[in-house]
Each structure stands twice: as C-alpha cells, then as structure tokens.
C-alpha cells in the first residue's frame, strides 16, 4: 500500500488515527539511531532512510537516480512494516535480531523479504528497532552493499 505523500510530514498526517502514536514512536527510535550521514526521504511510497547521493554518488543499482536504501517504514493495510535491508546482508545480524525479538516480544516474529510486520501496535519493540538501526554505520552499509553487488 504505497502512499502518494510527497514529504514525511504529509505521510505522517495521512496515517490512520489508530496507528499514529505507534508509528511516530517507531519513527523517532529510527531517527534517533540513524547512522550519521543518512537521511529520511519519501521512497517507494513510504518513509525511507537512505545514503544520499552526496555520500554515495553511484546510487541504488536498480535505479542509480535513487539514493542507496538502508531502511523503510510503512503503514500497510493490516500492519506497520519495517524494511531492513541490512538484516539480509549479515547472517549474524539476523541471528541477533531473531534472538532479541524472542526475548522482548510475546508474539511470534512475522518477517520475510526484509519486511518485519507488526500487527499488534502494543507489542512493537521500539528500542530493538532503534538498536537494529544503529548496528551498521553508513560506511559499513556501503561496504556491505558493494560487496553483495559485486558478488552478483
């Protein structure tokens, strides 16, 4: 469910009332932990956290006009989603996240294709998502990204 919002503020203003508080809290944890140099933008109809062209001029290999994606946050039809590309690029990070999630949440982890889905607003592990955001700095993310692209 992509939004036609042009700015993060417009996206937030259009959120359903029952999700605003949880969504804004999750966004705050991401922004508070976002690695230095990354920026929040609208990306693919959701909030995107990216390495801007000023730091990585090559952009995203799928479309070099776009900045290098790192993470996205979206309000979907039945859930809030965090899309974390870094989870699928580092096995040890995925293992850490799955283990920590089980310790902090009473519901089963709903994850697939870099998408972590939260259907219960009261059970979002905000601090864990903040920790995940901070696990890899901008330079490390570029190195991980480039090494995975060069393998292909």
Foldseek 3Di string as FASTA:
>chain_A
DAAPDFFPVSQLVPDDPVCNVLLVLLVVLLVVQAAPQWDWGQDRRFIWIFNDCVRPVCADPVDSVHGHTAWTWDDDDQWTKIQGPVLVLDVVLVVVLLVVLVVQFPDHFDDDPSITTDRDSVGDPSNSSSVSNNPAHPVRVVVSVVVVVVVD
